[in-house]
Amino acid sequence: MKYYHIISLTCILLVGVLVIIGCKEDEELNLVSYPDNFANIVITDVEDPASVVTINAVYDIDGTLLLDKEIPRNFSFRLHTPSPEEAQIKFSPYTENIPDELLNISLEKSSIPVGNTDVSVDVTLNEEEFLEMAKLNYEAEIYEFGLKAEVEGYRMGQAASIGKVVINKSAYLSTCFLDTEAPETFIRNYVDGQIVNAENITQRIKVALDRPAQQDVKILLDAVFSPVVGTEFLDDIIINNGENVIIPAGQTSVEFDWVLKHDFLCTNDEQEFYSITLLLGLESEDDKVVLDRRKKEMTLTVEKVVKNLEWTPSLHGYNAISSSGWSATITPEPTAGNGNGLVDGKENNGPTFWAPQSVTGVIDMQSNQSVSGIEFVYNTFMTEPNPIQKGYFKYIQFKVSTNGKDWVDLGNIDVEETDWKPNYRIYFKLLSPASARYLQFIVSPEAGKRLNLAIGELRIYKKE
């Protein structure tokens, strides 16, 4: 019996020891296995809170440095899990390429009580002074500012936490470009070896910078002709009256005249068409000035016409040449009257004819005359159709000849209704007198209409 008591007592003691050991091991295991805590800093007053926030800084057209987002200032220090002990935090400003004096933090020390995780700090950058400083650095640069935190607490890591704003500043570039509207075609009329009734080809040019340069910019403008012209004609180009074209430092544009003389158009008697490409270039000690590759050229077009003829409201100062003895033919033959009625000195006796196609008339003046003007007179006795509407032709061409075989084209004119005078007359003048015995005219109907031509007389004039 005594033996059983001893065994029971021994078992009870063993169980007690095991329980004590088990509790101690549990306590030690819990403490040892409590997870390592860590912390980070989150910027909260942005659309997507994060430890790193990026802002872009660019120069606007007047050289002011602008940010594409507002600078945040609310930073939150956060533990991953609540600490079983009070955590002590030391805060300090964080900067890269920014003077420390431009940054202010609202806390230098703080603590996080047991069971809590966060503490907030305001980080304020002196934005005005920063932008003023940064804009003077014309190179691309990266600026950083933020908050650095070191924490002491139970099983906290040793590395400091950083939350920061990264400002990517673009380089200051001043882009140079042509700011000129596309010009119209320059039409020049060639008669007897020269361009008549026209000033030199003149194009107003504007060259601009998208933002001011720090040094003067000298503007260059080369010209490329197609088809190619002789190099001697390049000397006929006058830019800005021969003075250098400069955009002064701090300014953004300059305007000037590009002038070309007509000599290149006078090497032959043929009708021609030229395109002239103007290519922009520059010189400057400011290496931040660059050309806009998309806007560095423009094209002028020049059409040379050979036309010794134009409409005129009157032939005042001209003398009609007597048509006595002259003859005229019309092809096709008129339905009424005959060609001679054009030069018989009478306005109201025809011919009148209709045709669905072009009509050609030839006047034989019997001897060479100095021709300077031409007049059509309509049959005024006709009331139907309206006399003005008798001139349905929209196109007229004149040629002259000394022998009736070799013709010199004086040119053609598209006739507008407003060209007809109220007394049923229309006038044309030659820009340079032509010596001729024969005058040929060709008239064509307006598209879709039948030609209704009722000419009472065709008169030829010489200049007084």
Protein backbone atom coordinates (compact mmCIF):
# COMPACT_ATOMS: atom_id res chain seq x y z
CA MET A 1 0.00 0.00 0.00
CA LYS A 2 2.82 2.30 0.89
CA TYR A 3 4.46 1.39 -2.43
CA TYR A 4 1.44 2.60 -4.42
CA HIS A 5 1.43 5.95 -2.61
CA ILE A 6 5.05 6.49 -3.56
CA ILE A 7 4.31 5.80 -7.24
CA SER A 8 1.34 8.14 -7.27
CA LEU A 9 3.31 10.92 -5.67
CA THR A 10 6.11 10.46 -8.17
CA CYS A 11 3.70 10.69 -11.13
CA ILE A 12 2.11 13.85 -9.76
CA LEU A 13 5.52 15.49 -9.40
CA LEU A 14 6.54 14.55 -12.96
CA VAL A 15 3.34 16.01 -14.40
CA GLY A 16 3.90 19.23 -12.45
CA VAL A 17 7.44 19.55 -13.73
CA LEU A 18 6.31 18.97 -17.29
CA VAL A 19 3.60 21.60 -17.00
CA ILE A 20 6.05 24.16 -15.64
CA ILE A 21 8.59 23.38 -18.32
CA GLY A 22 5.88 23.52 -21.01
CA CYS A 23 4.68 26.94 -19.86
CA LYS A 24 8.19 28.29 -19.79
CA GLU A 25 8.89 26.95 -23.26
CA ASP A 26 5.65 28.43 -24.54
CA GLU A 27 6.59 31.82 -23.15
CA GLU A 28 10.07 31.67 -24.61
CA LEU A 29 8.81 30.45 -28.03
CA ASN A 30 6.26 33.22 -28.30
CA LEU A 31 8.86 35.90 -27.67
CA VAL A 32 11.46 34.38 -29.89
CA SER A 33 9.05 33.79 -32.74
CA TYR A 34 7.40 37.27 -32.59
CA PRO A 35 7.86 38.56 -36.17
CA ASP A 36 10.49 41.20 -37.12
CA ASN A 37 8.64 44.47 -37.58
CA PHE A 38 9.38 46.95 -40.35
CA ALA A 39 8.28 50.45 -41.30
CA ASN A 40 7.83 52.64 -44.35
CA ILE A 41 6.84 56.20 -45.14
CA VAL A 42 3.83 56.85 -47.38
CA ILE A 43 2.95 60.16 -49.04
CA THR A 44 -0.79 60.43 -48.54
CA ASP A 45 -2.05 63.66 -50.13
CA VAL A 46 -1.76 62.34 -53.69
CA GLU A 47 -4.13 60.39 -55.90
CA ASP A 48 -2.22 57.13 -55.39
CA PRO A 49 -0.44 57.15 -52.00
CA ALA A 50 3.08 55.74 -52.28
CA SER A 51 6.56 55.98 -50.85
CA VAL A 52 7.86 57.62 -54.01
CA VAL A 53 5.92 60.27 -55.95
CA THR A 54 7.19 61.66 -59.27
CA ILE A 55 6.59 65.19 -60.57
CA ASN A 56 7.71 66.64 -63.89
CA ALA A 57 9.04 70.17 -64.26
CA VAL A 58 9.07 71.89 -67.67
CA TYR A 59 9.69 75.39 -68.95
CA ASP A 60 6.75 77.30 -70.40
CA ILE A 61 6.93 79.71 -73.32
CA ASP A 62 8.26 82.61 -71.24
CA GLY A 63 10.97 80.55 -69.53
CA THR A 64 9.09 80.02 -66.26
CA LEU A 65 9.56 76.59 -64.70
CA LEU A 66 6.23 74.83 -64.10
CA LEU A 67 5.30 71.62 -62.27
CA ASP A 68 2.74 69.23 -63.69
CA LYS A 69 1.38 68.37 -60.22
CA GLU A 70 0.98 70.03 -56.87
CA ILE A 71 3.81 69.35 -54.43
CA PRO A 72 2.57 67.02 -51.66
CA ARG A 73 3.36 67.65 -48.00
CA ASN A 74 1.58 64.96 -45.93
CA PHE A 75 3.88 62.06 -45.02
CA SER A 76 2.82 59.14 -42.84
CA PHE A 77 5.30 56.89 -40.97
CA ARG A 78 3.77 53.43 -40.67
CA LEU A 79 4.71 50.23 -38.83
CA HIS A 80 3.78 47.03 -40.57
CA THR A 81 2.35 45.59 -37.36
CA PRO A 82 1.67 47.13 -33.95
CA SER A 83 4.72 46.96 -31.68
CA PRO A 84 4.52 45.24 -28.29
CA GLU A 85 6.68 48.09 -27.03
CA GLU A 86 6.52 51.83 -27.54
CA ALA A 87 8.46 52.77 -30.69
CA GLN A 88 10.66 55.88 -30.74
CA ILE A 89 11.12 57.64 -34.10
CA LYS A 90 13.62 60.26 -35.13
CA PHE A 91 12.75 62.25 -38.28
CA SER A 92 15.08 64.26 -40.51
CA PRO A 93 14.75 66.04 -43.87
CA TYR A 94 15.86 64.17 -46.98
CA THR A 95 17.17 66.08 -50.03
CA GLU A 96 19.11 65.48 -53.23
CA ASN A 97 20.26 68.55 -55.23
CA ILE A 98 18.04 70.76 -53.06
CA PRO A 99 19.49 72.94 -50.27
CA ASP A 100 18.38 71.71 -46.84
CA GLU A 101 17.21 75.18 -45.89
CA LEU A 102 14.42 74.97 -48.48
CA LEU A 103 12.81 72.05 -46.61
CA ASN A 104 10.94 72.10 -43.33
CA ILE A 105 9.49 69.20 -41.33
CA SER A 106 6.84 69.53 -38.61
CA LEU A 107 8.33 66.83 -36.30
CA GLU A 108 11.84 65.74 -35.46
CA LYS A 109 10.94 63.15 -32.80
CA SER A 110 7.83 61.18 -32.01
CA SER A 111 6.67 57.91 -30.53
CA ILE A 112 4.11 55.29 -31.39
CA PRO A 113 2.32 53.82 -28.39
CA VAL A 114 1.92 50.07 -27.94
CA GLY A 115 -0.77 48.79 -30.30
CA ASN A 116 -0.55 51.71 -32.76
CA THR A 117 1.15 51.96 -36.14
CA ASP A 118 1.13 55.49 -37.58
CA VAL A 119 2.44 58.98 -37.06
CA SER A 120 1.96 61.89 -39.50
CA VAL A 121 4.56 64.53 -40.43
CA ASP A 122 4.18 67.62 -42.63
CA VAL A 123 7.08 68.12 -45.06
CA THR A 124 7.09 71.57 -46.67
CA LEU A 125 9.26 72.59 -49.60
CA ASN A 126 9.70 76.31 -50.29
CA GLU A 127 8.29 75.94 -53.79
CA GLU A 128 8.88 79.50 -54.97
CA GLU A 129 12.57 79.53 -54.04
CA PHE A 130 13.08 76.01 -55.36
CA LEU A 131 11.61 76.86 -58.77
CA GLU A 132 13.62 80.05 -58.97
CA MET A 133 16.78 78.09 -58.21
CA ALA A 134 16.02 75.16 -60.49
CA LYS A 135 15.08 77.22 -63.55
CA LEU A 136 18.59 78.70 -63.67
CA ASN A 137 20.01 75.23 -64.23
CA TYR A 138 19.27 74.78 -67.92
CA GLU A 139 20.40 71.16 -68.01
CA ALA A 140 18.09 68.23 -67.34
CA GLU A 141 18.20 67.45 -63.62
CA ILE A 142 16.61 65.26 -60.95
CA TYR A 143 15.70 66.80 -57.61
CA GLU A 144 14.50 64.86 -54.58
CA PHE A 145 13.09 65.82 -51.20
CA GLY A 146 11.20 64.02 -48.49
CA LEU A 147 11.34 62.50 -45.04
CA LYS A 148 13.84 60.13 -43.45
CA ALA A 149 12.97 58.16 -40.30
CA GLU A 150 14.99 56.02 -37.86
CA VAL A 151 13.00 53.97 -35.37
CA GLU A 152 13.88 52.21 -32.13
CA GLY A 153 11.50 49.55 -30.98
CA TYR A 154 11.05 45.86 -30.34
CA ARG A 155 12.72 43.83 -33.11
CA MET A 156 12.75 46.76 -35.53
CA GLY A 157 15.14 46.69 -38.47
CA GLN A 158 18.18 48.94 -38.46
CA ALA A 159 17.68 50.53 -41.96
CA ALA A 160 16.19 54.01 -42.10
CA SER A 161 12.89 54.54 -43.93
CA ILE A 162 12.59 57.18 -46.66
CA GLY A 163 9.56 58.67 -48.38
CA LYS A 164 10.37 61.08 -51.18
CA VAL A 165 9.15 63.28 -54.01
CA VAL A 166 11.21 63.02 -57.19
CA ILE A 167 11.13 66.07 -59.49
CA ASN A 168 12.31 65.34 -63.04
CA LYS A 169 13.24 68.66 -64.63
CA SER A 170 13.54 68.82 -68.40
CA ALA A 171 16.41 70.68 -69.99
CA TYR A 172 15.74 74.23 -71.10
CA LEU A 173 15.48 74.08 -74.89
CA SER A 174 14.52 76.98 -77.10
CA THR A 175 13.02 75.60 -80.30
CA CYS A 176 13.30 77.73 -83.43
CA PHE A 177 10.72 77.43 -86.24
CA LEU A 178 9.15 79.17 -89.22
CA ASP A 179 5.92 80.84 -88.16
CA THR A 180 4.76 81.96 -91.60
CA GLU A 181 1.50 81.02 -93.29
CA ALA A 182 1.76 79.21 -96.59
CA PRO A 183 2.05 81.85 -99.30
CA GLU A 184 -0.03 82.08 -102.44
CA THR A 185 1.51 81.41 -105.84
CA PHE A 186 3.41 84.36 -107.26
CA ILE A 187 2.27 84.86 -110.88
CA ARG A 188 4.55 86.90 -113.10
CA ASN A 189 3.83 87.93 -116.70
CA TYR A 190 6.69 87.85 -119.17
CA VAL A 191 6.55 90.13 -122.23
CA ASP A 192 9.35 91.11 -124.61
CA GLY A 193 12.20 89.95 -122.40
CA GLN A 194 10.98 91.34 -119.11
CA ILE A 195 8.47 90.85 -116.31
CA VAL A 196 5.79 93.53 -116.60
CA ASN A 197 3.60 95.30 -114.08
CA ALA A 198 4.92 93.48 -111.00
CA GLU A 199 7.15 94.20 -108.03
CA ASN A 200 9.94 91.86 -107.01
CA ILE A 201 8.82 88.57 -105.48
CA THR A 202 8.50 89.46 -101.80
CA GLN A 203 7.56 87.13 -98.96
CA ARG A 204 7.15 88.33 -95.38
CA ILE A 205 8.85 85.84 -93.08
CA LYS A 206 8.37 85.31 -89.36
CA VAL A 207 10.77 83.15 -87.37
CA ALA A 208 9.91 82.35 -83.76
CA LEU A 209 11.26 80.63 -80.65
CA ASP A 210 8.91 78.70 -78.40
CA ARG A 211 10.70 80.27 -75.42
CA PRO A 212 13.36 82.97 -75.09
CA ALA A 213 17.00 82.11 -75.73
CA GLN A 214 19.75 83.15 -73.34
CA GLN A 215 21.93 84.48 -76.18
CA ASP A 216 21.21 86.22 -79.48
CA VAL A 217 20.09 83.91 -82.29
CA LYS A 218 21.16 84.69 -85.85
CA ILE A 219 18.67 83.46 -88.44
CA LEU A 220 19.83 81.92 -91.73
CA LEU A 221 17.63 81.17 -94.73
CA ASP A 222 18.82 79.14 -97.71
CA ALA A 223 16.86 78.80 -100.97
CA VAL A 224 16.65 75.69 -103.15
CA PHE A 225 15.11 76.14 -106.62
CA SER A 226 13.32 73.48 -108.62
CA PRO A 227 14.07 73.39 -111.46
CA VAL A 228 17.60 74.48 -110.63
CA VAL A 229 18.64 77.99 -111.65
CA GLY A 230 22.10 79.40 -112.19
CA THR A 231 24.05 80.26 -109.07
CA GLU A 232 24.26 83.86 -110.24
CA PHE A 233 20.54 84.26 -109.57
CA LEU A 234 21.02 83.37 -105.90
CA ASP A 235 22.71 86.74 -105.58
CA ASP A 236 19.35 88.30 -106.51
CA ILE A 237 17.94 87.22 -103.14
CA ILE A 238 17.82 90.04 -100.59
CA ILE A 239 17.04 89.15 -96.97
CA ASN A 240 16.09 91.87 -94.50
CA ASN A 241 17.49 94.59 -96.78
CA GLY A 242 20.88 92.94 -96.56
CA GLU A 243 21.08 93.17 -92.76
CA ASN A 244 21.58 90.23 -90.38
CA VAL A 245 18.37 88.75 -89.00
CA ILE A 246 18.67 88.50 -85.20
CA ILE A 247 16.33 87.36 -82.45
CA PRO A 248 17.78 89.16 -79.42
CA ALA A 249 18.29 87.29 -76.15
CA GLY A 250 15.09 87.29 -74.13
CA GLN A 251 12.83 87.78 -77.16
CA THR A 252 10.90 85.17 -79.11
CA SER A 253 10.45 86.27 -82.73
CA VAL A 254 11.59 88.40 -85.64
CA GLU A 255 9.94 89.38 -88.94
CA PHE A 256 11.64 90.39 -92.17
CA ASP A 257 11.22 90.46 -95.96
CA TRP A 258 12.66 87.83 -98.28
CA VAL A 259 12.97 89.41 -101.74
CA LEU A 260 13.83 87.86 -105.09
CA LYS A 261 14.41 89.77 -108.31
CA HIS A 262 12.85 88.56 -111.57
CA ASP A 263 16.06 87.94 -113.55
CA PHE A 264 15.79 84.14 -113.27
CA LEU A 265 12.47 84.31 -115.15
CA CYS A 266 13.93 86.19 -118.12
CA THR A 267 16.29 83.61 -119.58
CA ASN A 268 13.77 82.35 -122.17
CA ASP A 269 10.36 83.07 -123.69
CA GLU A 270 8.67 79.93 -122.33
CA GLN A 271 5.98 79.58 -119.72
CA GLU A 272 7.55 78.14 -116.54
CA PHE A 273 6.73 77.00 -113.03
CA TYR A 274 9.19 77.12 -110.11
CA SER A 275 9.11 75.92 -106.53
CA ILE A 276 11.51 77.59 -104.12
CA THR A 277 12.10 75.85 -100.81
CA LEU A 278 13.32 78.10 -98.01
CA LEU A 279 15.39 76.21 -95.42
CA LEU A 280 15.76 77.66 -91.92
CA GLY A 281 19.10 77.65 -90.14
CA LEU A 282 20.57 79.42 -87.13
CA GLU A 283 23.74 80.41 -85.33
CA SER A 284 23.96 81.08 -81.58
CA GLU A 285 26.33 80.76 -78.66
CA ASP A 286 23.37 79.35 -76.76
CA ASP A 287 23.64 75.59 -77.21
CA LYS A 288 20.08 75.16 -75.94
CA VAL A 289 18.63 76.60 -79.14
CA VAL A 290 17.53 73.89 -81.57
CA LEU A 291 15.59 73.74 -84.85
CA ASP A 292 12.11 72.31 -85.01
CA ARG A 293 12.57 69.67 -87.69
CA ARG A 294 8.87 69.79 -88.58
CA LYS A 295 8.78 73.54 -89.17
CA LYS A 296 12.12 74.42 -90.64
CA GLU A 297 11.14 74.85 -94.28
CA MET A 298 8.48 76.39 -96.48
CA THR A 299 7.89 76.42 -100.23
CA LEU A 300 7.14 79.37 -102.47
CA THR A 301 5.69 78.79 -105.93
CA VAL A 302 6.30 81.07 -108.88
CA GLU A 303 4.36 80.78 -112.15
CA LYS A 304 5.74 82.56 -115.17
CA VAL A 305 3.11 83.23 -117.81
CA VAL A 306 3.78 84.62 -121.26
CA LYS A 307 0.77 86.86 -121.86
CA ASN A 308 0.93 90.19 -123.64
CA LEU A 309 -2.73 90.82 -122.88
CA GLU A 310 -5.08 91.88 -120.11
CA TRP A 311 -8.63 93.09 -119.62
CA THR A 312 -9.01 96.84 -119.15
CA PRO A 313 -12.04 98.97 -118.24
CA SER A 314 -11.37 101.35 -121.13
CA LEU A 315 -8.98 102.21 -123.93
CA HIS A 316 -8.70 105.86 -123.02
CA GLY A 317 -5.56 107.26 -124.60
CA TYR A 318 -5.66 104.76 -127.48
CA ASN A 319 -6.63 105.50 -131.11
CA ALA A 320 -8.79 103.19 -133.23
CA ILE A 321 -7.04 102.09 -136.43
CA SER A 322 -9.17 102.59 -139.56
CA SER A 323 -10.58 99.26 -140.75
CA SER A 324 -11.19 100.44 -144.30
CA GLY A 325 -10.25 97.65 -146.72
CA TRP A 326 -9.89 95.02 -144.01
CA SER A 327 -11.44 91.55 -144.25
CA ALA A 328 -12.39 88.88 -141.72
CA THR A 329 -13.28 85.19 -141.65
CA ILE A 330 -15.15 83.15 -139.05
CA THR A 331 -14.77 79.38 -138.51
CA PRO A 332 -17.21 77.73 -138.40
CA GLU A 333 -19.24 79.93 -140.73
CA PRO A 334 -21.82 82.04 -138.88
CA THR A 335 -25.50 81.20 -139.16
CA ALA A 336 -26.17 84.80 -140.10
CA GLY A 337 -24.01 87.61 -141.48
CA ASN A 338 -20.41 87.12 -142.45
CA GLY A 339 -16.96 87.75 -141.06
CA ASN A 340 -16.51 91.01 -142.95
CA GLY A 341 -19.26 92.50 -140.83
CA LEU A 342 -16.76 92.53 -137.94
CA VAL A 343 -14.64 95.24 -139.62
CA ASP A 344 -17.08 97.26 -141.70
CA GLY A 345 -17.26 100.14 -139.23
CA LYS A 346 -20.92 99.45 -138.46
CA GLU A 347 -21.96 98.15 -135.06
CA ASN A 348 -25.46 96.82 -135.80
CA ASN A 349 -25.25 94.63 -138.89
CA GLY A 350 -23.91 91.31 -137.60
CA PRO A 351 -22.59 88.80 -137.80
CA THR A 352 -24.68 86.74 -135.41
CA PHE A 353 -23.99 83.03 -135.01
CA TRP A 354 -24.39 80.16 -132.62
CA ALA A 355 -22.01 77.25 -132.08
CA PRO A 356 -21.56 74.50 -129.45
CA GLN A 357 -17.77 74.70 -129.64
CA SER A 358 -14.93 77.17 -129.94
CA VAL A 359 -15.12 79.81 -132.65
CA THR A 360 -12.08 81.22 -134.45
CA GLY A 361 -11.97 84.55 -136.21
CA VAL A 362 -9.12 86.05 -138.26
CA ILE A 363 -8.81 89.75 -139.13
CA ASP A 364 -6.62 90.71 -142.11
CA MET A 365 -5.50 94.33 -141.73
CA GLN A 366 -3.81 94.21 -145.20
CA SER A 367 -0.55 95.62 -143.78
CA ASN A 368 1.44 95.50 -140.57
CA GLN A 369 -0.02 97.63 -137.80
CA SER A 370 1.13 98.45 -134.26
CA VAL A 371 -1.55 96.71 -132.22
CA SER A 372 -2.03 97.94 -128.63
CA GLY A 373 -5.75 97.42 -127.86
CA ILE A 374 -8.83 95.44 -128.93
CA GLU A 375 -12.53 96.17 -128.52
CA PHE A 376 -15.55 93.92 -129.00
CA VAL A 377 -18.89 95.72 -129.70
CA TYR A 378 -22.14 93.78 -129.38
CA ASN A 379 -25.21 94.10 -131.60
CA THR A 380 -27.19 96.54 -129.47
CA PHE A 381 -30.37 96.31 -131.56
CA MET A 382 -30.97 92.77 -130.28
CA THR A 383 -33.16 92.47 -127.22
CA GLU A 384 -33.37 88.68 -126.83
CA PRO A 385 -31.53 87.21 -125.15
CA ASN A 386 -30.29 89.85 -122.76
CA PRO A 387 -27.36 91.62 -124.44
CA ILE A 388 -25.03 90.88 -121.55
CA GLN A 389 -25.90 87.20 -121.86
CA LYS A 390 -24.85 87.22 -125.48
CA GLY A 391 -21.32 86.90 -124.16
CA TYR A 392 -21.63 83.37 -122.86
CA PHE A 393 -18.01 82.70 -123.67
CA LYS A 394 -15.78 82.44 -120.62
CA TYR A 395 -12.45 82.12 -122.40
CA ILE A 396 -10.82 84.23 -125.10
CA GLN A 397 -7.43 83.97 -126.73
CA PHE A 398 -5.62 86.30 -129.15
CA LYS A 399 -2.75 85.67 -131.53
CA VAL A 400 -0.98 87.88 -134.06
CA SER A 401 0.99 87.16 -137.22
CA THR A 402 2.81 89.07 -139.91
CA ASN A 403 2.25 86.38 -142.60
CA GLY A 404 -0.86 84.45 -141.53
CA LYS A 405 1.19 81.32 -140.89
CA ASP A 406 3.50 81.96 -137.95
CA TRP A 407 1.45 83.02 -134.94
CA VAL A 408 2.56 84.72 -131.75
CA ASP A 409 0.30 83.96 -128.80
CA LEU A 410 -0.67 87.14 -126.95
CA GLY A 411 -2.30 85.09 -124.20
CA ASN A 412 -5.75 84.18 -122.98
CA ILE A 413 -8.22 85.59 -120.49
CA ASP A 414 -11.03 84.02 -118.47
CA VAL A 415 -13.78 86.59 -118.90
CA GLU A 416 -15.94 87.46 -115.91
CA GLU A 417 -19.48 88.83 -116.34
CA THR A 418 -18.44 91.99 -114.51
CA ASP A 419 -15.89 92.66 -117.25
CA TRP A 420 -18.67 93.61 -119.69
CA LYS A 421 -19.42 97.30 -119.84
CA PRO A 422 -23.04 98.57 -119.71
CA ASN A 423 -22.80 99.74 -123.32
CA TYR A 424 -22.18 96.16 -124.45
CA ARG A 425 -18.46 96.54 -124.99
CA ILE A 426 -15.40 94.78 -123.64
CA TYR A 427 -11.81 95.99 -123.91
CA PHE A 428 -8.40 94.33 -123.90
CA LYS A 429 -4.98 95.94 -124.00
CA LEU A 430 -1.56 94.65 -124.95
CA LEU A 431 1.13 95.16 -122.40
CA SER A 432 3.64 95.70 -125.18
CA PRO A 433 2.62 96.76 -128.73
CA ALA A 434 2.71 93.97 -131.31
CA SER A 435 3.50 94.49 -134.98
CA ALA A 436 1.08 92.38 -136.97
CA ARG A 437 -1.01 92.15 -140.15
CA TYR A 438 -3.30 89.41 -138.88
CA LEU A 439 -5.21 89.20 -135.59
CA GLN A 440 -6.73 85.87 -134.60
CA PHE A 441 -9.23 85.44 -131.78
CA ILE A 442 -10.58 82.20 -130.31
CA VAL A 443 -13.60 82.18 -128.02
CA SER A 444 -14.89 79.16 -126.10
CA PRO A 445 -18.31 78.69 -124.45
CA GLU A 446 -18.98 78.45 -120.77
CA ALA A 447 -19.09 74.80 -119.70
CA GLY A 448 -22.50 73.28 -120.32
CA LYS A 449 -23.81 76.24 -122.33
CA ARG A 450 -24.21 76.96 -126.02
CA LEU A 451 -22.07 79.79 -127.36
CA ASN A 452 -24.25 82.75 -128.28
CA LEU A 453 -22.02 85.35 -129.85
CA ALA A 454 -23.45 88.44 -131.50
CA ILE A 455 -20.54 90.75 -132.29
CA GLY A 456 -21.38 93.88 -134.20
CA GLU A 457 -17.79 95.12 -134.56
CA LEU A 458 -14.20 94.32 -133.59
CA ARG A 459 -11.94 97.35 -133.39
CA ILE A 460 -8.16 97.41 -133.15
CA TYR A 461 -6.30 100.25 -131.45
CA LYS A 462 -2.84 101.69 -131.38
CA LYS A 463 -1.34 103.68 -128.50
CA GLU A 464 -1.16 107.43 -128.96
